[in-house]
């Protein structure tokens, strides 16, 4: 049974990470600036709305890269 313990811990950690990521996405959807920045594409027609958050995605990617780099540096001390 000890052979499955690392796998179980990994699965729990992945589940928690997905839950945290889901919470962050939910909070970002409630903010006023996400999807409203210059460079974000919004197409509105009768009964149809398409939002392509180009600039918001780039900013989110940069922020996540910085956060993950800090976490990795802290773990590797």
C-alpha atoms as a PDB file:
ATOM      1  CA  UNK A   1       0.000   0.000   0.000  1.00  0.00           C
ATOM      2  CA  UNK A   2       2.934   2.378   0.526  1.00  0.00           C
ATOM      3  CA  UNK A   3       3.479   2.484  -3.242  1.00  0.00           C
ATOM      4  CA  UNK A   4       0.206   4.358  -3.748  1.00  0.00           C
ATOM      5  CA  UNK A   5       0.733   6.960  -1.040  1.00  0.00           C
ATOM      6  CA  UNK A   6       2.757   9.401  -3.218  1.00  0.00           C
ATOM      7  CA  UNK A   7       0.152   9.102  -5.969  1.00  0.00           C
ATOM      8  CA  UNK A   8      -2.640   9.838  -3.496  1.00  0.00           C
ATOM      9  CA  UNK A   9      -0.815  12.916  -2.189  1.00  0.00           C
ATOM     10  CA  UNK A  10      -0.242  14.129  -5.747  1.00  0.00           C
ATOM     11  CA  UNK A  11      -3.914  13.695  -6.610  1.00  0.00           C
ATOM     12  CA  UNK A  12      -5.009  15.621  -3.506  1.00  0.00           C
ATOM     13  CA  UNK A  13      -2.558  18.434  -4.306  1.00  0.00           C
ATOM     14  CA  UNK A  14      -3.772  18.588  -7.908  1.00  0.00           C
ATOM     15  CA  UNK A  15      -7.388  18.693  -6.733  1.00  0.00           C
ATOM     16  CA  UNK A  16      -6.650  21.556  -4.373  1.00  0.00           C
ATOM     17  CA  UNK A  17      -4.764  23.419  -7.106  1.00  0.00           C
ATOM     18  CA  UNK A  18      -7.712  23.042  -9.491  1.00  0.00           C
ATOM     19  CA  UNK A  19     -10.108  24.278  -6.800  1.00  0.00           C
ATOM     20  CA  UNK A  20      -7.923  27.331  -6.106  1.00  0.00           C
ATOM     21  CA  UNK A  21      -7.595  28.048  -9.827  1.00  0.00           C
ATOM     22  CA  UNK A  22     -11.370  27.769 -10.232  1.00  0.00           C
ATOM     23  CA  UNK A  23     -11.872  30.224  -7.378  1.00  0.00           C
ATOM     24  CA  UNK A  24      -9.449  32.677  -8.964  1.00  0.00           C
ATOM     25  CA  UNK A  25     -11.207  32.463 -12.321  1.00  0.00           C
ATOM     26  CA  UNK A  26     -14.545  33.000 -10.595  1.00  0.00           C
ATOM     27  CA  UNK A  27     -13.195  36.074  -8.783  1.00  0.00           C
ATOM     28  CA  UNK A  28     -11.674  37.447 -11.990  1.00  0.00           C
ATOM     29  CA  UNK A  29     -15.026  37.131 -13.727  1.00  0.00           C
ATOM     30  CA  UNK A  30     -16.522  39.392 -11.037  1.00  0.00           C
ATOM     31  CA  UNK A  31     -13.938  42.148 -11.477  1.00  0.00           C
ATOM     32  CA  UNK A  32     -14.784  45.133 -13.621  1.00  0.00           C
ATOM     33  CA  UNK A  33     -11.463  45.385 -15.471  1.00  0.00           C
ATOM     34  CA  UNK A  34     -11.104  41.831 -16.794  1.00  0.00           C
ATOM     35  CA  UNK A  35     -12.209  41.869 -20.427  1.00  0.00           C
ATOM     36  CA  UNK A  36     -12.614  45.650 -20.447  1.00  0.00           C
ATOM     37  CA  UNK A  37      -9.012  46.671 -21.163  1.00  0.00           C
ATOM     38  CA  UNK A  38      -7.989  48.373 -24.414  1.00  0.00           C
ATOM     39  CA  UNK A  39      -7.077  45.620 -26.843  1.00  0.00           C
ATOM     40  CA  UNK A  40      -9.770  43.204 -25.670  1.00  0.00           C
ATOM     41  CA  UNK A  41     -12.147  42.312 -28.489  1.00  0.00           C
ATOM     42  CA  UNK A  42     -15.885  42.442 -27.829  1.00  0.00           C
ATOM     43  CA  UNK A  43     -18.445  41.639 -30.521  1.00  0.00           C
ATOM     44  CA  UNK A  44     -22.096  42.280 -29.681  1.00  0.00           C
ATOM     45  CA  UNK A  45     -25.071  41.444 -31.898  1.00  0.00           C
ATOM     46  CA  UNK A  46     -28.721  40.756 -31.192  1.00  0.00           C
ATOM     47  CA  UNK A  47     -28.760  37.769 -28.834  1.00  0.00           C
ATOM     48  CA  UNK A  48     -25.014  37.182 -29.223  1.00  0.00           C
ATOM     49  CA  UNK A  49     -21.938  38.431 -27.385  1.00  0.00           C
ATOM     50  CA  UNK A  50     -18.375  37.271 -28.030  1.00  0.00           C
ATOM     51  CA  UNK A  51     -15.544  38.427 -25.769  1.00  0.00           C
ATOM     52  CA  UNK A  52     -11.895  37.739 -26.635  1.00  0.00           C
ATOM     53  CA  UNK A  53      -9.778  39.132 -23.751  1.00  0.00           C
ATOM     54  CA  UNK A  54      -6.408  39.381 -25.535  1.00  0.00           C
ATOM     55  CA  UNK A  55      -4.711  41.984 -23.328  1.00  0.00           C
ATOM     56  CA  UNK A  56      -6.311  40.663 -20.139  1.00  0.00           C
ATOM     57  CA  UNK A  57      -4.953  37.183 -20.939  1.00  0.00           C
ATOM     58  CA  UNK A  58      -1.450  38.552 -21.529  1.00  0.00           C
ATOM     59  CA  UNK A  59      -1.489  40.421 -18.200  1.00  0.00           C
ATOM     60  CA  UNK A  60      -2.833  37.343 -16.392  1.00  0.00           C
ATOM     61  CA  UNK A  61      -0.110  35.215 -17.972  1.00  0.00           C
ATOM     62  CA  UNK A  62       2.622  37.619 -16.843  1.00  0.00           C
ATOM     63  CA  UNK A  63       1.244  37.735 -13.291  1.00  0.00           C
ATOM     64  CA  UNK A  64       0.981  33.932 -13.052  1.00  0.00           C
ATOM     65  CA  UNK A  65       4.533  33.550 -14.407  1.00  0.00           C
ATOM     66  CA  UNK A  66       5.863  35.881 -11.713  1.00  0.00           C
ATOM     67  CA  UNK A  67       3.903  34.144  -8.940  1.00  0.00           C
ATOM     68  CA  UNK A  68       4.973  30.659 -10.045  1.00  0.00           C
ATOM     69  CA  UNK A  69       8.622  31.736 -10.329  1.00  0.00           C
ATOM     70  CA  UNK A  70       8.527  33.109  -6.784  1.00  0.00           C
ATOM     71  CA  UNK A  71       6.940  29.878  -5.503  1.00  0.00           C
ATOM     72  CA  UNK A  72       9.562  27.722  -7.254  1.00  0.00           C
ATOM     73  CA  UNK A  73      12.406  29.848  -5.864  1.00  0.00           C
ATOM     74  CA  UNK A  74      10.980  29.547  -2.339  1.00  0.00           C
ATOM     75  CA  UNK A  75      10.601  25.764  -2.659  1.00  0.00           C
ATOM     76  CA  UNK A  76      14.144  25.276  -4.035  1.00  0.00           C
ATOM     77  CA  UNK A  77      15.869  27.057  -1.113  1.00  0.00           C
END
